[in-house]
Amino acid sequence: MIRTRFSLVLLLTLGAAWWFSGCNLAPQEETPTAPKADTIRQINVFLETSASMNGYLRGSTEFKDIVSELVTKAAQIEPVRRPLALYTIDKDLKPYSGGVSAFVESLATTPLATGKSSELHRIFEQVGAKARNGEVAILISDCVLSFPDAEIRKNPEINRTDASSVLKNAINQQFAQLRKDTISASVYAFESAFNGTYYDYQNKKQVLNGEQRPFYVWAIGKQRVLTLFNQQLQERLNAKPEHRLDFGAGQTVTDYNLFFTLNREGETWEADKPAINNLKKVKPDAPAEFALGVDLSGLPAYAQTEEFLTKNLAVSAGNARVKLVKVEERDDVKDAEKLKANESRMLSESSHVLTFRVSQLFDAQTPVTITLPVRYDTWYVDQSTMDDRTPENRQGKTFALQHLMNGVREAYETGAGSFLKLSVTLNQ
């Protein structure tokens, strides 16, 4: 009888436990939902077709090869919800309905560049309107700043005298609005043979036969979507640009990994992010060195180089002596295979490793701030001319390019931005 009662109690207890478990009455921790991945909703390609572009389309030119590959490879980028949209644009944009294959064929067989002198700020206004809501807009242009034909006829010097004021500020206004809408821009510079009529800043015609001329591909879109597009396009393109510049680097990098053995010097200190403790024995002949892992993959390509980081990274450490001693890309880190699992994971999350040396520490606690100010490359200065009437002044240069690019740069470079800002505390 006792055994029967015991068995009944046991069955009831197990049954109750099963029932409560099955009903899941106890509060459970919610499984975090993974953030939705960025996707490119639409890619829009605009080919400028003012008459000044015609020389790129005649004969055998790199322009046709590069643009054909660009359009073909852009159409392969995934995930994209809609097919590639194609347009020609001079004063107004015109949808191209033939599809990618027909467009590529028309580069070789159809006179496309037949429009009048174009105004770049009006072109960027129309292109920028197609760079919202997950869309990317691509503009292919010679990027020559110019007033309308009628204004040049009235005053042949107007492009030279007023490009730095009127035209530059018109460009600035367009990109300031894009920046306000958190839209970024990348520009790729290429070169190509040019066969045909070239229009100088006075709209005088010169016939060129194979002279190398720059042209530019602009990609515009929301920063995260644009970053994804740039990465996927670069993986596919065989044609590499002569130069690249990215405007609007997105959010400042503030996170980092603090390594405890990688590039370590000094025996006693301890890593306890965001602090480094037990630095009492630090002195000039017995410094401590520590390494931070940071992900800079979202920065412009030139801002990720060792040269740029070494030159521009600033360390503010109050009364202590702290300086940057080494910049390494992740793949260049020596003996990475010897790291333990945790540090190996931290390295995999980093694009760069920054190593710092502490040689003097006077206070019990010292806050350290590490910043990388927003600065844009200026390769375009050497690629700009204000007199394109002779081959010597024109070779490899674009009229008033400096004023165009400065107008864009000033829209994004507000003076208060940083590519990177890290905080570390040093404790004795």
Protein backbone atom coordinates (compact mmCIF):
# COMPACT_ATOMS: atom_id res chain seq x y z
CA MET A 1 0.00 0.00 0.00
CA ILE A 2 2.77 2.41 0.88
CA ARG A 3 4.55 1.50 -2.38
CA THR A 4 1.36 2.20 -4.35
CA ARG A 5 0.88 5.62 -2.74
CA PHE A 6 4.54 6.48 -3.39
CA SER A 7 4.21 5.53 -7.07
CA LEU A 8 1.07 7.61 -7.40
CA VAL A 9 2.76 10.66 -5.84
CA LEU A 10 5.77 10.18 -8.12
CA LEU A 11 3.57 9.99 -11.20
CA LEU A 12 1.65 13.08 -10.18
CA THR A 13 4.91 14.97 -9.52
CA LEU A 14 6.44 13.98 -12.85
CA GLY A 15 3.20 14.75 -14.64
CA ALA A 16 3.00 18.20 -13.07
CA ALA A 17 6.61 18.92 -13.99
CA TRP A 18 5.92 17.80 -17.60
CA TRP A 19 2.72 19.91 -17.75
CA PHE A 20 4.43 23.07 -16.47
CA SER A 21 7.34 22.50 -18.83
CA GLY A 22 5.05 21.92 -21.81
CA CYS A 23 2.90 24.94 -21.01
CA ASN A 24 6.05 27.04 -20.57
CA LEU A 25 4.48 29.17 -17.85
CA ALA A 26 7.83 30.34 -16.49
CA PRO A 27 9.14 33.57 -18.04
CA GLN A 28 11.63 32.85 -20.83
CA GLU A 29 14.34 35.04 -22.24
CA GLU A 30 13.43 36.16 -25.74
CA THR A 31 15.77 35.09 -28.51
CA PRO A 32 17.12 38.30 -30.03
CA THR A 33 15.98 38.87 -33.58
CA ALA A 34 18.86 39.28 -36.02
CA PRO A 35 18.92 42.71 -37.63
CA LYS A 36 17.61 42.78 -41.16
CA ALA A 37 20.45 42.73 -43.65
CA ASP A 38 20.89 45.73 -45.90
CA THR A 39 19.64 45.11 -49.40
CA ILE A 40 19.91 47.07 -52.61
CA ARG A 41 16.38 47.68 -53.84
CA GLN A 42 17.29 49.12 -57.24
CA ILE A 43 20.38 50.13 -59.24
CA ASN A 44 19.90 53.08 -61.60
CA VAL A 45 22.55 53.87 -64.23
CA PHE A 46 22.73 57.28 -65.91
CA LEU A 47 24.94 57.90 -68.95
CA GLU A 48 25.54 61.58 -69.62
CA THR A 49 24.97 62.20 -73.34
CA SER A 50 25.96 65.82 -73.92
CA ALA A 51 27.92 66.32 -77.15
CA SER A 52 31.19 66.49 -75.18
CA MET A 53 30.85 62.76 -74.41
CA ASN A 54 30.74 61.66 -78.05
CA GLY A 55 34.51 61.25 -78.40
CA TYR A 56 34.49 58.46 -75.80
CA LEU A 57 32.07 56.47 -77.96
CA ARG A 58 33.89 56.63 -81.30
CA GLY A 59 36.38 54.01 -82.33
CA SER A 60 38.14 51.66 -79.97
CA THR A 61 38.09 53.25 -76.51
CA GLU A 62 38.56 52.11 -72.94
CA PHE A 63 35.38 54.02 -72.10
CA LYS A 64 33.20 51.55 -73.99
CA ASP A 65 34.96 48.58 -72.43
CA ILE A 66 34.70 49.95 -68.89
CA VAL A 67 31.10 51.13 -69.15
CA SER A 68 30.01 47.85 -70.80
CA GLU A 69 31.60 45.86 -67.98
CA LEU A 70 30.26 48.22 -65.31
CA VAL A 71 26.67 47.94 -66.51
CA THR A 72 26.90 44.18 -67.02
CA LYS A 73 28.45 43.49 -63.61
CA ALA A 74 26.14 45.94 -61.79
CA ALA A 75 23.18 43.98 -63.17
CA GLN A 76 24.58 40.86 -61.45
CA ILE A 77 24.77 42.34 -57.95
CA GLU A 78 22.60 40.56 -55.40
CA PRO A 79 20.30 40.95 -53.62
CA VAL A 80 18.53 43.44 -55.88
CA ARG A 81 14.75 43.44 -55.95
CA ARG A 82 14.32 45.01 -59.38
CA PRO A 83 16.17 44.80 -62.71
CA LEU A 84 18.80 47.40 -63.53
CA ALA A 85 17.23 50.70 -64.64
CA LEU A 86 19.03 52.55 -67.44
CA TYR A 87 18.83 56.22 -68.40
CA THR A 88 20.56 58.72 -70.65
CA ILE A 89 20.79 62.28 -69.38
CA ASP A 90 21.87 65.68 -70.70
CA LYS A 91 19.40 68.36 -69.71
CA ASP A 92 16.66 65.86 -68.90
CA LEU A 93 16.80 62.18 -68.09
CA LYS A 94 15.37 59.70 -70.57
CA PRO A 95 14.63 56.07 -69.62
CA TYR A 96 16.39 53.52 -71.82
CA SER A 97 13.99 50.66 -72.43
CA GLY A 98 16.17 48.23 -74.34
CA GLY A 99 17.72 46.41 -71.39
CA VAL A 100 21.35 45.75 -70.49
CA SER A 101 22.33 43.78 -73.61
CA ALA A 102 20.84 46.36 -75.97
CA PHE A 103 22.46 49.20 -74.01
CA VAL A 104 25.90 47.60 -74.21
CA GLU A 105 25.44 47.06 -77.95
CA SER A 106 24.30 50.65 -78.45
CA LEU A 107 27.56 51.94 -76.96
CA ALA A 108 29.23 50.63 -80.10
CA THR A 109 26.53 51.14 -82.73
CA THR A 110 24.25 54.05 -81.82
CA PRO A 111 25.03 57.80 -81.63
CA LEU A 112 24.10 58.39 -77.98
CA ALA A 113 26.00 61.57 -77.08
CA THR A 114 24.01 64.13 -79.09
CA GLY A 115 22.76 66.52 -76.38
CA LYS A 116 23.75 70.11 -75.73
CA SER A 117 26.07 71.40 -73.02
CA SER A 118 24.95 69.97 -69.69
CA GLU A 119 24.79 71.62 -66.26
CA LEU A 120 26.20 69.20 -63.72
CA HIS A 121 24.35 70.54 -60.70
CA ARG A 122 21.02 69.91 -62.48
CA ILE A 123 22.18 66.44 -63.50
CA PHE A 124 23.17 65.60 -59.90
CA GLU A 125 19.78 66.84 -58.71
CA GLN A 126 18.00 64.34 -60.95
CA VAL A 127 20.43 61.52 -60.25
CA GLY A 128 20.25 62.12 -56.49
CA ALA A 129 16.48 61.75 -56.59
CA LYS A 130 17.06 58.11 -57.62
CA ALA A 131 19.38 57.40 -54.66
CA ARG A 132 16.85 57.00 -51.88
CA ASN A 133 14.88 54.16 -50.24
CA GLY A 134 17.53 51.51 -50.75
CA GLU A 135 18.36 52.56 -54.32
CA VAL A 136 21.79 53.31 -55.78
CA ALA A 137 22.28 55.84 -58.59
CA ILE A 138 25.32 55.61 -60.90
CA LEU A 139 26.32 58.57 -63.08
CA ILE A 140 28.87 58.21 -65.90
CA SER A 141 30.18 61.61 -67.02
CA ASP A 142 33.24 63.63 -68.07
CA CYS A 143 32.34 65.95 -65.14
CA VAL A 144 33.20 69.19 -66.93
CA LEU A 145 31.68 72.13 -65.07
CA SER A 146 30.02 74.50 -67.53
CA PHE A 147 27.42 77.21 -67.88
CA PRO A 148 24.72 76.78 -70.57
CA ASP A 149 25.69 77.39 -74.19
CA ALA A 150 23.77 80.68 -74.33
CA GLU A 151 25.71 82.09 -71.37
CA ILE A 152 29.05 81.10 -72.92
CA ARG A 153 28.13 82.84 -76.16
CA LYS A 154 27.45 86.03 -74.22
CA ASN A 155 30.68 85.76 -72.22
CA PRO A 156 33.32 83.25 -73.44
CA GLU A 157 35.24 83.62 -70.15
CA ILE A 158 32.33 82.88 -67.82
CA ASN A 159 33.39 79.29 -67.15
CA ARG A 160 36.83 80.43 -66.01
CA THR A 161 35.69 83.43 -63.99
CA ASP A 162 32.63 81.97 -62.28
CA ALA A 163 33.28 78.22 -61.93
CA SER A 164 34.82 78.74 -58.47
CA SER A 165 31.79 80.64 -57.20
CA VAL A 166 28.51 80.06 -59.03
CA LEU A 167 29.08 76.53 -60.32
CA LYS A 168 30.94 75.25 -57.24
CA ASN A 169 28.24 76.53 -54.90
CA ALA A 170 25.47 75.08 -57.08
CA ILE A 171 27.17 71.68 -56.72
CA ASN A 172 27.63 72.26 -52.99
CA GLN A 173 23.93 72.98 -52.57
CA GLN A 174 22.93 69.73 -54.25
CA PHE A 175 25.27 67.56 -52.18
CA ALA A 176 24.50 69.40 -48.93
CA GLN A 177 20.90 68.30 -49.41
CA LEU A 178 22.02 64.73 -50.10
CA ARG A 179 24.16 64.76 -46.94
CA LYS A 180 21.21 66.10 -44.96
CA ASP A 181 19.23 63.11 -46.20
CA THR A 182 22.12 60.82 -45.05
CA ILE A 183 23.05 59.98 -48.63
CA SER A 184 26.72 59.33 -49.42
CA ALA A 185 28.69 59.39 -52.66
CA SER A 186 31.69 57.59 -54.16
CA VAL A 187 33.54 58.71 -57.27
CA TYR A 188 35.78 56.54 -59.46
CA ALA A 189 38.22 58.17 -61.91
CA PHE A 190 39.11 56.36 -65.14
CA GLU A 191 40.93 57.27 -68.37
CA SER A 192 40.07 56.54 -71.98
CA ALA A 193 41.09 57.39 -75.50
CA PHE A 194 38.95 60.17 -76.98
CA ASN A 195 38.21 60.36 -80.71
CA GLY A 196 36.22 63.32 -81.92
CA THR A 197 35.20 66.85 -81.11
CA TYR A 198 36.35 68.25 -77.78
CA TYR A 199 34.69 71.45 -76.50
CA ASP A 200 37.00 73.67 -74.47
CA TYR A 201 35.82 76.06 -71.76
CA GLN A 202 34.90 78.66 -74.41
CA ASN A 203 32.91 76.02 -76.33
CA LYS A 204 35.49 76.16 -79.14
CA LYS A 205 35.82 72.85 -81.01
CA GLN A 206 39.02 70.83 -81.24
CA VAL A 207 39.34 67.45 -82.93
CA LEU A 208 41.20 64.87 -80.83
CA ASN A 209 42.47 61.57 -82.15
CA GLY A 210 43.15 59.09 -79.39
CA GLU A 211 44.11 61.64 -76.72
CA GLN A 212 43.68 60.17 -73.24
CA ARG A 213 40.88 61.90 -71.35
CA PRO A 214 39.60 61.32 -67.80
CA PHE A 215 36.02 60.34 -67.10
CA TYR A 216 34.22 59.58 -63.86
CA VAL A 217 31.71 57.17 -62.39
CA TRP A 218 29.69 58.42 -59.42
CA ALA A 219 27.80 56.03 -57.14
CA ILE A 220 25.28 57.66 -54.81
CA GLY A 221 23.06 56.12 -52.14
CA LYS A 222 22.37 55.64 -48.44
CA GLN A 223 25.69 54.97 -46.75
CA ARG A 224 25.16 51.33 -45.70
CA VAL A 225 23.56 50.40 -49.02
CA LEU A 226 26.30 52.24 -50.93
CA THR A 227 29.00 50.41 -48.97
CA LEU A 228 27.40 47.09 -49.88
CA PHE A 229 27.17 48.13 -53.54
CA ASN A 230 30.80 49.29 -53.68
CA GLN A 231 32.04 46.06 -52.12
CA GLN A 232 30.10 43.86 -54.52
CA LEU A 233 31.00 45.93 -57.57
CA GLN A 234 34.74 45.92 -56.75
CA GLU A 235 34.67 42.14 -56.35
CA ARG A 236 33.29 41.81 -59.89
CA LEU A 237 35.08 44.53 -61.86
CA ASN A 238 38.26 43.79 -63.78
CA ALA A 239 38.63 47.48 -64.66
CA LYS A 240 40.25 49.26 -61.72
CA PRO A 241 39.94 53.05 -61.35
CA GLU A 242 42.94 55.37 -61.38
CA HIS A 243 41.57 57.05 -58.25
CA ARG A 244 38.63 56.77 -55.87
CA LEU A 245 37.09 59.12 -53.34
CA ASP A 246 34.25 58.48 -50.88
CA PHE A 247 32.13 61.23 -49.35
CA GLY A 248 30.08 60.54 -46.24
CA ALA A 249 31.74 57.77 -44.26
CA GLY A 250 28.74 57.04 -42.07
CA GLN A 251 28.93 56.65 -38.32
CA THR A 252 32.13 57.23 -36.38
CA VAL A 253 33.92 54.01 -35.37
CA THR A 254 33.82 53.88 -31.56
CA ASP A 255 34.10 50.18 -30.75
CA TYR A 256 37.31 48.18 -30.46
CA ASN A 257 38.79 44.97 -29.10
CA LEU A 258 41.52 45.21 -26.45
CA PHE A 259 44.06 42.40 -26.87
CA PHE A 260 45.83 40.99 -23.86
CA THR A 261 48.77 39.17 -25.53
CA LEU A 262 48.98 40.41 -29.13
CA ASN A 263 51.87 42.90 -29.56
CA ARG A 264 52.14 43.09 -25.79
CA GLU A 265 55.14 44.68 -24.05
CA GLY A 266 55.45 44.95 -20.26
CA GLU A 267 54.82 42.22 -17.74
CA THR A 268 52.38 43.47 -15.15
CA TRP A 269 49.52 45.29 -16.85
CA GLU A 270 46.06 43.78 -17.19
CA ALA A 271 43.46 44.31 -19.91
CA ASP A 272 39.96 45.09 -18.65
CA LYS A 273 38.24 46.97 -21.50
CA PRO A 274 37.92 49.94 -21.56
CA ALA A 275 40.69 50.07 -18.94
CA ILE A 276 44.29 48.92 -18.74
CA ASN A 277 45.23 48.35 -15.12
CA ASN A 278 48.36 47.91 -13.03
CA LEU A 279 50.68 50.22 -14.96
CA LYS A 280 52.66 51.32 -11.86
CA LYS A 281 56.01 50.09 -13.24
CA VAL A 282 55.82 51.99 -16.53
CA LYS A 283 58.82 54.24 -17.23
CA PRO A 284 60.74 55.42 -20.33
CA ASP A 285 63.17 52.48 -20.29
CA ALA A 286 60.42 49.98 -19.40
CA PRO A 287 57.33 51.00 -21.42
CA ALA A 288 54.09 49.11 -21.82
CA GLU A 289 52.61 48.41 -25.26
CA PHE A 290 49.03 47.36 -25.95
CA ALA A 291 47.06 46.65 -29.12
CA LEU A 292 43.52 47.56 -30.14
CA GLY A 293 41.62 45.80 -32.90
CA VAL A 294 39.29 48.05 -34.93
CA ASP A 295 37.03 47.47 -37.93
CA LEU A 296 37.74 50.26 -40.42
CA SER A 297 36.27 48.45 -43.43
CA GLY A 298 33.51 51.05 -43.73
CA LEU A 299 35.97 53.94 -44.15
CA PRO A 300 37.13 55.25 -47.53
CA ALA A 301 39.91 53.08 -48.96
CA TYR A 302 42.59 55.76 -48.57
CA ALA A 303 41.62 56.25 -44.89
CA GLN A 304 42.41 52.58 -44.23
CA THR A 305 46.02 52.78 -45.43
CA GLU A 306 48.96 52.58 -43.04
CA GLU A 307 50.26 55.90 -44.39
CA PHE A 308 47.00 57.76 -43.74
CA LEU A 309 46.47 56.25 -40.28
CA THR A 310 50.06 56.88 -39.18
CA LYS A 311 49.93 60.48 -40.38
CA ASN A 312 46.46 61.45 -39.10
CA LEU A 313 45.67 59.35 -36.01
CA ALA A 314 45.78 61.65 -32.96
CA VAL A 315 46.33 60.52 -29.34
CA SER A 316 45.28 62.76 -26.45
CA ALA A 317 46.54 61.46 -23.10
CA GLY A 318 46.70 64.44 -20.75
CA ASN A 319 49.74 64.19 -18.50
CA ALA A 320 50.84 60.79 -19.81
CA ARG A 321 53.06 59.89 -22.74
CA VAL A 322 51.20 57.64 -25.15
CA LYS A 323 51.90 57.28 -28.85
CA LEU A 324 50.98 55.11 -31.81
CA VAL A 325 53.88 52.81 -32.73
CA LYS A 326 52.43 50.38 -35.29
CA VAL A 327 49.55 50.06 -37.75
CA GLU A 328 48.84 46.60 -39.19
CA GLU A 329 46.16 45.25 -41.46
CA ARG A 330 44.67 42.04 -40.11
CA ASP A 331 46.32 39.80 -42.72
CA ASP A 332 49.74 41.27 -41.92
CA VAL A 333 49.66 40.39 -38.19
CA LYS A 334 52.51 38.00 -37.41
CA ASP A 335 51.98 34.74 -35.51
CA ALA A 336 48.20 35.17 -35.64
CA GLU A 337 47.84 31.37 -35.68
CA LYS A 338 49.36 31.24 -32.17
CA LEU A 339 46.58 33.31 -30.62
CA LYS A 340 44.14 31.61 -28.31
CA ALA A 341 40.50 31.28 -29.31
CA ASN A 342 39.25 34.50 -27.73
CA GLU A 343 41.96 36.70 -29.21
CA SER A 344 41.72 34.91 -32.54
CA ARG A 345 38.01 35.80 -32.60
CA MET A 346 38.81 39.44 -31.76
CA LEU A 347 41.32 39.56 -34.60
CA SER A 348 38.76 38.14 -37.04
CA GLU A 349 36.39 40.97 -36.10
CA SER A 350 39.04 43.61 -36.84
CA SER A 351 40.32 44.98 -40.13
CA HIS A 352 43.31 46.68 -38.45
CA VAL A 353 45.44 46.37 -35.31
CA LEU A 354 46.74 49.60 -33.73
CA THR A 355 49.59 49.27 -31.23
CA PHE A 356 50.33 52.01 -28.68
CA ARG A 357 53.23 52.60 -26.28
CA VAL A 358 52.89 54.06 -22.78
CA SER A 359 56.27 55.39 -21.62
CA GLN A 360 55.25 57.67 -18.71
CA LEU A 361 52.18 57.75 -16.50
CA PHE A 362 52.09 60.43 -13.80
CA ASP A 363 48.49 60.21 -12.54
CA ALA A 364 46.65 57.35 -10.89
CA GLN A 365 44.06 57.41 -13.69
CA THR A 366 44.49 58.83 -17.20
CA PRO A 367 41.73 58.96 -19.85
CA VAL A 368 43.09 58.51 -23.38
CA THR A 369 41.22 59.57 -26.50
CA ILE A 370 42.25 58.28 -29.93
CA THR A 371 40.74 60.09 -32.92
CA LEU A 372 40.99 60.00 -36.71
CA PRO A 373 39.57 63.24 -38.14
CA VAL A 374 37.58 63.22 -41.37
CA ARG A 375 39.91 64.22 -44.18
CA TYR A 376 39.40 63.66 -47.87
CA ASP A 377 42.07 62.80 -50.41
CA THR A 378 42.97 65.59 -52.85
CA TRP A 379 44.22 63.71 -55.92
CA TYR A 380 41.72 65.72 -57.96
CA VAL A 381 43.74 68.94 -57.53
CA ASP A 382 46.46 67.63 -59.87
CA GLN A 383 43.78 66.40 -62.28
CA SER A 384 42.15 69.84 -62.65
CA THR A 385 42.82 72.64 -65.16
CA MET A 386 41.33 76.07 -65.71
CA ASP A 387 42.55 76.35 -69.31
CA ASP A 388 41.89 73.32 -71.50
CA ARG A 389 42.56 74.94 -74.88
CA THR A 390 45.96 73.29 -75.46
CA PRO A 391 47.04 69.64 -75.22
CA GLU A 392 49.71 70.57 -72.67
CA ASN A 393 47.19 72.14 -70.27
CA ARG A 394 44.56 69.50 -70.95
CA GLN A 395 46.51 66.24 -70.83
CA GLY A 396 44.99 63.96 -68.18
CA LYS A 397 43.01 66.85 -66.69
CA THR A 398 39.37 67.91 -66.42
CA PHE A 399 38.29 71.53 -66.64
CA ALA A 400 37.37 72.98 -63.19
CA LEU A 401 37.39 69.53 -61.54
CA GLN A 402 38.87 71.08 -58.40
CA HIS A 403 35.84 73.35 -57.97
CA LEU A 404 33.41 70.50 -58.57
CA MET A 405 35.10 68.24 -56.02
CA ASN A 406 35.58 71.01 -53.46
CA GLY A 407 31.89 71.79 -53.71
CA VAL A 408 31.11 68.16 -52.85
CA ARG A 409 33.82 67.90 -50.18
CA GLU A 410 32.66 71.01 -48.37
CA ALA A 411 29.13 69.62 -48.26
CA TYR A 412 30.35 66.58 -46.31
CA GLU A 413 33.41 67.89 -44.45
CA THR A 414 31.69 69.90 -41.74
CA GLY A 415 34.76 70.17 -39.50
CA ALA A 416 33.25 68.28 -36.57
CA GLY A 417 33.43 64.73 -37.91
CA SER A 418 35.77 61.88 -37.07
CA PHE A 419 36.29 58.63 -38.89
CA LEU A 420 37.25 57.06 -35.56
CA LYS A 421 37.04 58.00 -31.87
CA LEU A 422 38.15 55.55 -29.17
CA SER A 423 38.37 55.92 -25.40
CA VAL A 424 40.76 53.97 -23.13
CA THR A 425 41.53 54.50 -19.43
CA LEU A 426 45.03 53.89 -18.06
CA ASN A 427 45.24 53.00 -14.35
CA GLN A 428 48.38 52.70 -12.24
